Protein backbone atom coordinates (compact mmCIF):
# COMPACT_ATOMS: atom_id res chain seq x y z
CA MET A 1 16.20 121.59 -63.23
CA SER A 2 12.43 120.80 -63.78
CA GLU A 3 11.96 121.59 -67.34
CA PRO A 4 11.46 118.81 -69.52
CA GLY A 5 14.91 117.38 -70.80
CA SER A 6 16.47 118.47 -67.59
CA LEU A 7 16.67 115.05 -66.41
CA ILE A 8 17.90 113.42 -69.66
CA ARG A 9 20.85 115.73 -69.36
CA THR A 10 22.51 113.95 -66.70
CA LEU A 11 23.23 111.15 -69.12
CA SER A 12 26.08 113.70 -70.18
CA GLY A 13 27.36 113.89 -66.72
CA ARG A 14 26.12 116.20 -63.98
CA PRO A 15 24.94 119.52 -65.13
CA ALA A 16 26.39 122.61 -63.37
CA ALA A 17 24.54 124.57 -60.69
CA ARG A 18 23.26 127.54 -61.61
CA ASN A 19 23.90 129.45 -58.54
CA PHE A 20 24.18 128.76 -54.77
CA HIS A 21 20.72 128.05 -54.35
CA SER A 22 20.36 125.39 -56.65
CA TYR A 23 23.91 124.19 -55.41
CA VAL A 24 23.00 123.12 -52.00
CA ILE A 25 19.40 121.74 -53.31
CA ASN A 26 21.59 119.68 -55.66
CA GLU A 27 24.14 118.60 -53.14
CA VAL A 28 22.07 117.99 -50.30
CA GLY A 29 19.16 116.25 -52.61
CA ARG A 30 21.82 113.63 -53.87
CA ALA A 31 22.98 112.73 -50.62
CA ILE A 32 19.60 112.09 -49.14
CA VAL A 33 18.21 109.63 -52.05
CA SER A 34 21.80 107.99 -52.52
CA GLY A 35 21.34 107.44 -49.15
CA ASP A 36 24.42 108.93 -47.90
CA MET A 37 22.19 111.02 -45.67
CA PRO A 38 20.23 108.02 -44.10
CA VAL A 39 16.31 108.39 -43.69
CA GLY A 40 16.04 109.51 -39.83
CA SER A 41 19.31 111.57 -39.65
CA GLY A 42 19.54 114.74 -38.91
CA LEU A 43 20.98 117.72 -41.23
CA PRO A 44 23.82 119.61 -39.47
CA GLY A 45 23.09 122.34 -38.17
CA ASP A 46 22.92 125.92 -39.76
CA ALA A 47 26.37 127.11 -39.03
CA GLU A 48 27.68 123.77 -40.04
CA MET A 49 25.78 123.83 -43.60
CA MET A 50 26.44 127.40 -43.96
CA ASP A 51 30.21 126.76 -43.84
CA ARG A 52 30.45 123.53 -45.85
CA PHE A 53 28.57 125.20 -48.80
CA GLY A 54 30.06 128.73 -48.47
CA VAL A 55 26.25 130.26 -48.40
CA SER A 56 24.54 132.67 -46.40
CA ARG A 57 21.60 131.61 -43.67
CA THR A 58 19.20 133.22 -45.93
CA VAL A 59 19.84 130.88 -49.11
CA LEU A 60 20.52 127.65 -46.89
CA ARG A 61 16.70 128.11 -45.75
CA GLU A 62 15.19 128.84 -49.01
CA ALA A 63 17.08 125.60 -50.35
CA LEU A 64 15.70 123.52 -47.20
CA LYS A 65 12.08 124.73 -47.83
CA THR A 66 12.34 123.42 -51.67
CA LEU A 67 13.56 120.13 -50.34
CA GLU A 68 10.99 120.23 -47.90
CA ALA A 69 8.33 120.72 -50.36
CA LYS A 70 9.68 117.42 -52.56
CA GLY A 71 9.16 115.50 -49.33
CA LEU A 72 12.86 114.91 -48.64
CA VAL A 73 13.14 116.38 -45.59
CA GLU A 74 10.81 118.28 -42.87
CA ALA A 75 11.78 121.01 -40.39
CA ARG A 76 10.61 120.67 -36.76
CA ALA A 77 11.10 123.10 -33.99
CA LYS A 78 13.17 122.00 -31.27
CA VAL A 79 13.99 118.67 -33.16
CA GLY A 80 15.62 120.39 -35.98
CA THR A 81 15.51 119.20 -40.12
CA ARG A 82 15.55 115.16 -40.33
CA VAL A 83 15.21 113.06 -43.55
CA LEU A 84 11.92 111.44 -44.35
CA PRO A 85 11.79 108.05 -45.27
CA GLN A 86 11.33 107.46 -49.54
CA SER A 87 7.36 106.63 -49.14
CA ARG A 88 7.41 110.71 -48.14
CA TRP A 89 9.64 111.99 -51.42
CA ASN A 90 7.88 113.27 -54.48
CA LEU A 91 8.65 110.83 -57.35
CA PHE A 92 7.02 112.82 -59.70
CA ASP A 93 9.12 115.42 -59.38
CA ARG A 94 11.71 115.69 -61.90
CA GLN A 95 14.79 116.55 -59.93
CA VAL A 96 14.25 113.56 -57.35
CA LEU A 97 13.80 111.23 -60.45
CA ALA A 98 17.31 112.79 -61.61
CA TRP A 99 18.96 111.88 -58.29
CA LYS A 100 17.31 108.43 -58.11
CA LEU A 101 18.81 107.73 -61.85
CA GLU A 102 22.29 108.81 -60.68
CA SER A 103 22.30 107.09 -57.46
CA GLY A 104 21.43 103.68 -59.46
CA PRO A 105 17.69 102.82 -58.87
CA SER A 106 16.96 99.16 -57.49
CA PRO A 107 15.29 96.45 -59.35
CA ALA A 108 12.26 96.83 -56.72
CA PHE A 109 12.06 100.58 -57.42
CA LEU A 110 12.13 100.25 -61.06
CA ALA A 111 9.12 97.50 -60.87
CA SER A 112 7.23 99.98 -59.07
CA PHE A 113 7.97 102.75 -61.53
CA GLN A 114 7.05 100.49 -64.43
CA ILE A 115 3.44 99.64 -63.47
CA ILE A 116 2.98 103.55 -62.82
CA ARG A 117 4.58 104.41 -66.66
CA GLU A 118 2.54 101.85 -68.27
CA SER A 119 -0.47 102.66 -66.87
CA LEU A 120 -0.06 105.93 -67.53
CA GLU A 121 1.46 105.72 -71.05
CA VAL A 122 -0.72 103.04 -72.89
CA GLN A 123 -3.42 105.22 -71.65
CA ALA A 124 -2.32 108.19 -73.03
CA ALA A 125 -1.46 107.00 -76.61
CA ARG A 126 -5.06 105.57 -76.81
CA LEU A 127 -6.55 108.79 -76.25
CA ALA A 128 -3.68 110.62 -78.65
CA ALA A 129 -4.74 108.40 -81.51
CA GLN A 130 -8.82 109.73 -80.82
CA HIS A 131 -7.84 113.23 -80.25
CA ARG A 132 -4.55 113.99 -82.30
CA GLU A 133 -4.29 116.93 -84.47
CA ALA A 134 -1.93 117.51 -87.62
CA GLU A 135 0.63 119.20 -85.62
CA HIS A 136 0.75 116.29 -83.20
CA VAL A 137 1.44 113.58 -86.45
CA ARG A 138 4.15 116.03 -87.91
CA LEU A 139 5.98 116.48 -84.59
CA LEU A 140 5.65 112.67 -84.09
CA ASN A 141 7.34 112.24 -87.34
CA TYR A 142 9.96 114.56 -87.04
CA TRP A 143 10.93 113.13 -83.73
CA LEU A 144 10.75 109.55 -84.91
CA ASN A 145 13.51 110.61 -87.80
CA GLN A 146 15.49 112.14 -84.88
CA ARG A 147 15.66 108.83 -82.99
CA ALA A 148 17.08 107.14 -86.24
CA VAL A 149 19.36 110.07 -87.30
CA MET A 150 20.64 110.72 -83.24
CA ALA A 151 21.42 106.92 -82.87
CA HIS A 152 24.94 107.09 -81.87
CA GLN A 153 24.55 110.32 -79.68
CA PRO A 154 22.98 109.13 -76.55
CA GLU A 155 21.71 112.40 -74.92
CA PRO A 156 20.18 113.67 -78.58
CA PHE A 157 18.90 110.27 -79.09
CA ALA A 158 17.15 109.93 -75.48
CA MET A 159 15.83 113.65 -76.20
CA ALA A 160 14.01 112.29 -79.53
CA GLU A 161 12.68 109.27 -77.83
CA PHE A 162 11.30 111.48 -74.83
CA GLU A 163 9.83 114.10 -77.37
CA ILE A 164 7.76 111.01 -78.82
CA HIS A 165 6.29 110.30 -75.75
CA ARG A 166 6.05 113.53 -74.58
CA VAL A 167 3.94 114.50 -77.87
CA VAL A 168 1.74 111.44 -77.43
CA ALA A 169 0.65 112.88 -73.96
CA GLU A 170 0.23 116.31 -75.39
CA ALA A 171 -2.15 114.68 -78.03
CA SER A 172 -3.87 112.95 -75.29
CA GLY A 173 -5.83 116.10 -74.24
CA ASN A 174 -5.34 115.18 -71.04
CA PRO A 175 -4.15 117.36 -68.64
CA PHE A 176 -3.05 114.81 -66.08
CA LEU A 177 -0.90 112.86 -68.44
CA ARG A 178 0.67 115.98 -69.85
CA ALA A 179 1.57 116.99 -66.32
CA ALA A 180 3.59 113.18 -66.09
CA SER A 181 6.20 114.28 -68.31
CA ALA A 182 8.84 113.33 -65.59
CA VAL A 183 7.79 109.84 -65.30
CA MET A 184 8.28 109.53 -69.42
CA GLU A 185 11.48 111.35 -69.35
CA PHE A 186 12.96 109.40 -66.46
CA GLY A 187 11.73 105.74 -68.39
CA VAL A 188 13.76 106.92 -71.65
CA ALA A 189 16.78 107.65 -69.46
CA VAL A 190 16.54 104.26 -67.75
CA SER A 191 16.15 102.26 -70.99
CA VAL A 192 19.01 104.36 -72.79
CA LEU A 193 21.17 103.76 -69.71
CA ALA A 194 20.61 100.35 -70.56
CA HIS A 195 22.17 100.28 -73.41
CA LEU A 196 24.62 102.39 -73.24
CA GLY A 197 28.80 100.97 -72.34
CA ASP A 198 30.37 101.23 -69.26
CA ASP A 199 31.62 104.95 -70.82
CA LEU A 200 28.08 105.91 -71.54
CA THR A 201 28.92 105.70 -75.17
CA ALA A 202 26.51 104.42 -77.34
CA PRO A 203 27.02 100.46 -78.95
CA PRO A 204 28.66 99.77 -82.37
CA GLY A 205 25.34 99.60 -83.93
CA GLY A 206 23.73 102.38 -82.56
CA LEU A 207 20.68 103.17 -80.51
CA SER A 208 18.05 103.32 -82.91
CA LYS A 209 17.64 99.39 -83.71
CA ALA A 210 16.10 98.75 -80.24
CA HIS A 211 12.26 99.36 -80.80
CA ALA A 212 12.63 100.98 -83.88
CA ALA A 213 9.76 98.77 -85.27
CA GLY A 214 7.80 99.49 -82.07
CA TYR A 215 8.01 103.02 -81.86
CA GLU A 216 7.32 103.10 -86.15
CA ALA A 217 4.01 101.47 -85.44
CA LEU A 218 2.90 103.42 -82.45
CA VAL A 219 3.59 106.77 -84.49
CA ARG A 220 1.63 105.48 -87.53
CA ALA A 221 -1.47 104.01 -85.07
CA VAL A 222 -1.93 107.52 -83.64
CA GLU A 223 -1.75 108.80 -87.11
CA ARG A 224 -4.51 107.23 -88.23
CA GLY A 225 -6.71 106.98 -85.11
CA ASP A 226 -6.11 103.67 -84.38
CA ALA A 227 -6.70 103.50 -80.59
CA ASP A 228 -6.19 99.98 -79.65
CA THR A 229 -3.01 99.48 -81.70
CA ALA A 230 -1.34 102.42 -80.31
CA ALA A 231 -2.17 101.39 -76.97
CA THR A 232 -0.51 97.93 -77.89
CA GLN A 233 2.39 99.32 -79.33
CA MET A 234 3.16 101.66 -76.69
CA ALA A 235 2.83 98.90 -73.95
CA SER A 236 5.37 97.25 -76.19
CA VAL A 237 8.17 99.82 -76.01
CA ILE A 238 8.19 100.49 -72.90
CA ARG A 239 8.50 96.85 -71.10
């Protein structure tokens, strides 16, 4: 679930768990992020959870270690494993963001997210215009075209839009911006979901019209090395 694109794939429904380990992580993680397992509450004992999920003690312990690494739970001697507050969660983790997307992020959460996304991506666009190479420009034009072609298929469309953002970050040359791809992917997923119908289908006119001119202008600015315009256009398409 940590690879680029895995968050967007949740737009077409929950991805199937690949093994018992990931199954436990997904079920418990979703329950925590959605609030079904409230902050401060203790997780059931090992025996109960082993029976509930049909897994061995080893699988359960490894899954809980993964959730602890994501900041969702904390295991303490003689106390057990308890759910931690959101302030402790790793909100740059792609899987945590996917659970947030499924549970329906609040307006306050999205407002906070937007501040971080804009600060990262606007700077990425500025740097991309200064450091882009021919291959970056080729990929940006390819994904810009795919964004238009896939206008009636939400998941491929979202993937194309995400790739534009990912390539811009790659072209920036900044390793920290490259590592923030989960933030970019979450932003694209939220934006696409806002334009879908209740049945998660694209509107009759397709999805590409939204911000089409902005993405075109962004790619052209990066292509010609216009850092100021690239930054302005990136700010425009993500607002």
